[in-house]
Structure formats: structure tokens, C-alpha cells
């Protein structure tokens, strides 16, 4: 069975540092009872997913981030994974069936404009967040002074927008 892992690309991700960070934990950490794991700046969640899968003594996790759209993503993945998967599959199919790069760029810009309206239901907001993350330049997340996402279009041939297995695994792990 696949392991839970970050469902988005995120600058400053800790995936490559997991071993070093794990080595900094107290030697007897695995023996502690009823641990609450707190991560105030979750970002992509590499450390979160690692900790929740490797330490069964963690009974509860509290995560936060200053980015409200990111925290909405975590809640949506946790609470409504199948709705999210269906929505992501639809947008991925629509995007991949576009005939030209120019058409894909126009689709991206329209999705970015819709996302920036900030009046979306959680599944639509998360769908557009994922889509933009997978199709923008280098998977960056950047906003302007007005708080609007402004990363330009990235030139990916066939980006994976919906990774259903990761979403399902992450949803299961996030139940804590």
C-alpha cells in the first residue's frame, strides 16, 4: 500500500530532511504515550505525514498555516476526498484535452482568475489550488499585495493534477 505524502509541491518542503529531523527527536519519543503533534507552519506537510505514519503513539495532530487556502486544502483532503478526486479528475481531463499550449495557458489564467475571486466552496477552492500548484511556474505559491495568486503559467506537457491514491492515503492519515 502506498504511503501518505505531501499532496502539493511547496517551497521549503522537508522531504529531503526527514532523516536529519527525525534524529533530533528525543531518543525515547516512540515510548511516549498519547502524544499530540503540533505543526504551526505545515506547508506541504512532509514532516506531518512522516510523523503520523512512523509514530503510532501520536494520537492527535494539530496543524496550522497562515495561508487559509492551504489549511482549506488539508480539511478538504481529510473530510471529502472522493468529492475532491472527482473534481480534480474533471479539471485534469479538461486541461489535458486542450489542443495547444496557448489554450492551456488561457485555461490556467481563467482558473487563476476564478481562484482569486475568493468566494469558492472548499472543494472548488481546493481543486483550483491543486490545479494551479501543478500547472504554474515551478509549483510556487505567491500572492501580490492584494493577496491574489499571481504565479505565471508553467509549461508542463502532462502534469498530474489528480493523484487519487495519494489523496486517499493522506485523508486516512489526516483523520488524527
Protein backbone atom coordinates (compact mmCIF):
# COMPACT_ATOMS: atom_id res chain seq x y z
CA UNK A 1 0.00 0.00 0.00
CA UNK A 2 1.24 3.49 -0.84
CA UNK A 3 2.32 5.78 1.94
CA UNK A 4 0.78 9.15 2.63
CA UNK A 5 2.93 12.00 1.35
CA UNK A 6 2.58 15.70 0.54
CA UNK A 7 -0.25 16.24 -1.93
CA UNK A 8 1.18 19.54 -3.22
CA UNK A 9 4.54 20.98 -4.14
CA UNK A 10 5.68 23.54 -1.58
CA UNK A 11 8.76 25.73 -1.36
CA UNK A 12 10.77 24.82 1.73
CA UNK A 13 9.46 21.27 1.86
CA UNK A 14 11.19 18.96 4.31
CA UNK A 15 11.05 15.67 2.37
CA UNK A 16 14.82 15.55 1.92
CA UNK A 17 15.47 16.45 5.55
CA UNK A 18 13.27 13.84 7.23
CA UNK A 19 16.16 11.66 8.43
CA UNK A 20 18.03 14.58 9.95
CA UNK A 21 14.89 15.94 11.63
CA UNK A 22 13.91 12.52 12.96
CA UNK A 23 17.38 12.18 14.50
CA UNK A 24 16.72 15.35 16.52
CA UNK A 25 13.73 13.83 18.34
CA UNK A 26 14.25 12.64 21.92
CA UNK A 27 15.63 9.10 21.94
CA UNK A 28 12.61 7.78 23.82
CA UNK A 29 10.00 9.66 21.73
CA UNK A 30 8.44 6.44 20.42
CA UNK A 31 7.77 5.38 24.02
CA UNK A 32 5.80 8.50 24.98
CA UNK A 33 2.07 7.91 25.45
CA UNK A 34 -0.82 9.76 23.85
CA UNK A 35 1.31 12.35 22.01
CA UNK A 36 -0.20 15.42 20.36
CA UNK A 37 1.89 16.51 17.40
CA UNK A 38 1.73 20.26 16.68
CA UNK A 39 2.98 21.80 13.47
CA UNK A 40 2.35 25.57 13.27
CA UNK A 41 3.56 26.05 9.66
CA UNK A 42 2.51 22.87 7.89
CA UNK A 43 3.28 23.87 4.29
CA UNK A 44 3.42 20.71 2.18
CA UNK A 45 3.30 18.53 5.29
CA UNK A 46 6.25 16.21 4.65
CA UNK A 47 7.15 16.06 8.34
CA UNK A 48 3.50 15.75 9.36
CA UNK A 49 2.89 12.73 7.13
CA UNK A 50 6.15 11.14 8.22
CA UNK A 51 5.45 11.59 11.92
CA UNK A 52 1.87 10.32 11.73
CA UNK A 53 2.93 7.18 9.88
CA UNK A 54 6.07 6.36 11.85
CA UNK A 55 4.94 7.11 15.38
CA UNK A 56 1.73 5.30 16.36
CA UNK A 57 1.97 6.94 19.79
CA UNK A 58 0.81 10.19 18.16
CA UNK A 59 -2.90 10.13 18.91
CA UNK A 60 -3.73 13.62 17.72
CA UNK A 61 -2.22 16.26 15.43
CA UNK A 62 -2.78 20.00 15.31
CA UNK A 63 -1.67 21.78 12.16
CA UNK A 64 -1.85 25.39 11.09
CA UNK A 65 -0.55 27.76 8.46
CA UNK A 66 -1.00 31.45 7.74
CA UNK A 67 -2.32 30.51 4.28
CA UNK A 68 -6.06 29.91 4.69
CA UNK A 69 -6.36 28.29 1.26
CA UNK A 70 -3.70 25.77 2.28
CA UNK A 71 -5.50 24.88 5.50
CA UNK A 72 -8.71 24.54 3.49
CA UNK A 73 -6.86 22.02 1.31
CA UNK A 74 -5.96 19.91 4.34
CA UNK A 75 -9.55 19.95 5.61
CA UNK A 76 -10.92 19.07 2.17
CA UNK A 77 -8.46 16.20 1.70
CA UNK A 78 -9.33 14.95 5.20
CA UNK A 79 -13.11 15.33 5.02
CA UNK A 80 -14.20 14.96 1.37
CA UNK A 81 -11.53 13.07 -0.55
CA UNK A 82 -13.86 11.41 -3.06
CA UNK A 83 -15.56 14.69 -3.99
CA UNK A 84 -12.15 16.28 -4.40
CA UNK A 85 -10.87 13.40 -6.55
CA UNK A 86 -13.89 13.65 -8.87
CA UNK A 87 -13.40 17.40 -9.21
CA UNK A 88 -9.65 17.05 -9.84
CA UNK A 89 -10.19 14.32 -12.42
CA UNK A 90 -12.64 16.55 -14.27
CA UNK A 91 -10.30 19.55 -14.39
CA UNK A 92 -7.35 17.33 -15.34
CA UNK A 93 -9.31 15.81 -18.23
CA UNK A 94 -10.49 19.23 -19.42
CA UNK A 95 -6.95 20.61 -19.28
CA UNK A 96 -5.23 17.66 -20.92
CA UNK A 97 -7.73 17.61 -23.79
CA UNK A 98 -6.86 21.14 -24.82
CA UNK A 99 -5.12 21.09 -28.21
CA UNK A 100 -2.42 23.74 -27.78
CA UNK A 101 -0.16 25.27 -25.19
CA UNK A 102 -1.88 28.61 -25.78
CA UNK A 103 -5.26 27.04 -24.97
CA UNK A 104 -3.77 25.54 -21.81
CA UNK A 105 -2.36 28.92 -20.82
CA UNK A 106 -5.79 30.54 -21.31
CA UNK A 107 -7.38 27.77 -19.22
CA UNK A 108 -4.78 28.37 -16.50
CA UNK A 109 -5.37 32.13 -16.48
CA UNK A 110 -9.14 31.64 -16.25
CA UNK A 111 -8.69 29.18 -13.37
CA UNK A 112 -6.36 31.64 -11.64
CA UNK A 113 -8.92 34.44 -12.03
CA UNK A 114 -11.67 32.20 -10.63
CA UNK A 115 -9.46 31.16 -7.70
CA UNK A 116 -8.67 34.78 -6.93
CA UNK A 117 -12.36 35.63 -6.51
CA UNK A 118 -12.08 34.04 -3.05
CA UNK A 119 -15.76 33.15 -2.80
CA UNK A 120 -15.48 29.44 -3.50
CA UNK A 121 -16.77 26.36 -1.75
CA UNK A 122 -14.00 24.22 -0.20
CA UNK A 123 -13.91 21.53 -2.91
CA UNK A 124 -13.76 24.04 -5.76
CA UNK A 125 -11.18 26.16 -3.92
CA UNK A 126 -9.02 23.09 -3.27
CA UNK A 127 -9.42 21.86 -6.84
CA UNK A 128 -8.19 25.18 -8.20
CA UNK A 129 -5.40 25.31 -5.59
CA UNK A 130 -4.17 21.86 -6.73
CA UNK A 131 -4.58 22.75 -10.41
CA UNK A 132 -2.64 25.99 -10.07
CA UNK A 133 0.04 24.30 -7.96
CA UNK A 134 0.58 21.63 -10.62
CA UNK A 135 0.44 23.92 -13.66
CA UNK A 136 2.05 27.18 -12.53
CA UNK A 137 5.72 28.02 -12.84
CA UNK A 138 7.74 25.64 -10.59
CA UNK A 139 4.75 24.91 -8.34
CA UNK A 140 5.27 28.19 -6.50
CA UNK A 141 2.69 29.82 -4.28
CA UNK A 142 2.99 33.57 -4.32
CA UNK A 143 0.48 36.36 -3.86
CA UNK A 144 0.64 40.09 -4.54
CA UNK A 145 -0.08 42.90 -2.07
CA UNK A 146 -3.82 42.41 -2.56
CA UNK A 147 -3.50 38.75 -1.65
CA UNK A 148 -4.10 37.48 -5.18
CA UNK A 149 -2.26 34.46 -6.54
CA UNK A 150 0.00 35.75 -9.31
CA UNK A 151 2.37 32.98 -10.34
CA UNK A 152 2.59 32.66 -14.13
CA UNK A 153 1.74 29.64 -16.25
CA UNK A 154 4.26 26.78 -16.27
CA UNK A 155 4.95 24.81 -19.41
CA UNK A 156 4.31 21.20 -18.35
CA UNK A 157 3.32 18.68 -21.01
CA UNK A 158 1.06 16.35 -18.98
CA UNK A 159 1.05 17.35 -15.31
CA UNK A 160 -0.58 15.02 -12.82
CA UNK A 161 -3.31 17.11 -11.26
CA UNK A 162 -5.21 14.28 -9.62
CA UNK A 163 -3.22 11.70 -7.68
CA UNK A 164 -6.21 9.83 -6.27
CA UNK A 165 -4.18 7.28 -4.30
CA UNK A 166 -2.17 9.98 -2.50
CA UNK A 167 -5.34 11.89 -1.65
CA UNK A 168 -6.97 8.77 -0.22
CA UNK A 169 -3.88 7.83 1.80
CA UNK A 170 -3.48 11.39 3.06
CA UNK A 171 -7.15 11.57 4.01
CA UNK A 172 -6.79 8.43 6.09
CA UNK A 173 -3.69 9.72 7.88
CA UNK A 174 -5.26 13.15 8.45
CA UNK A 175 -8.11 11.62 10.44
CA UNK A 176 -5.90 12.15 13.51
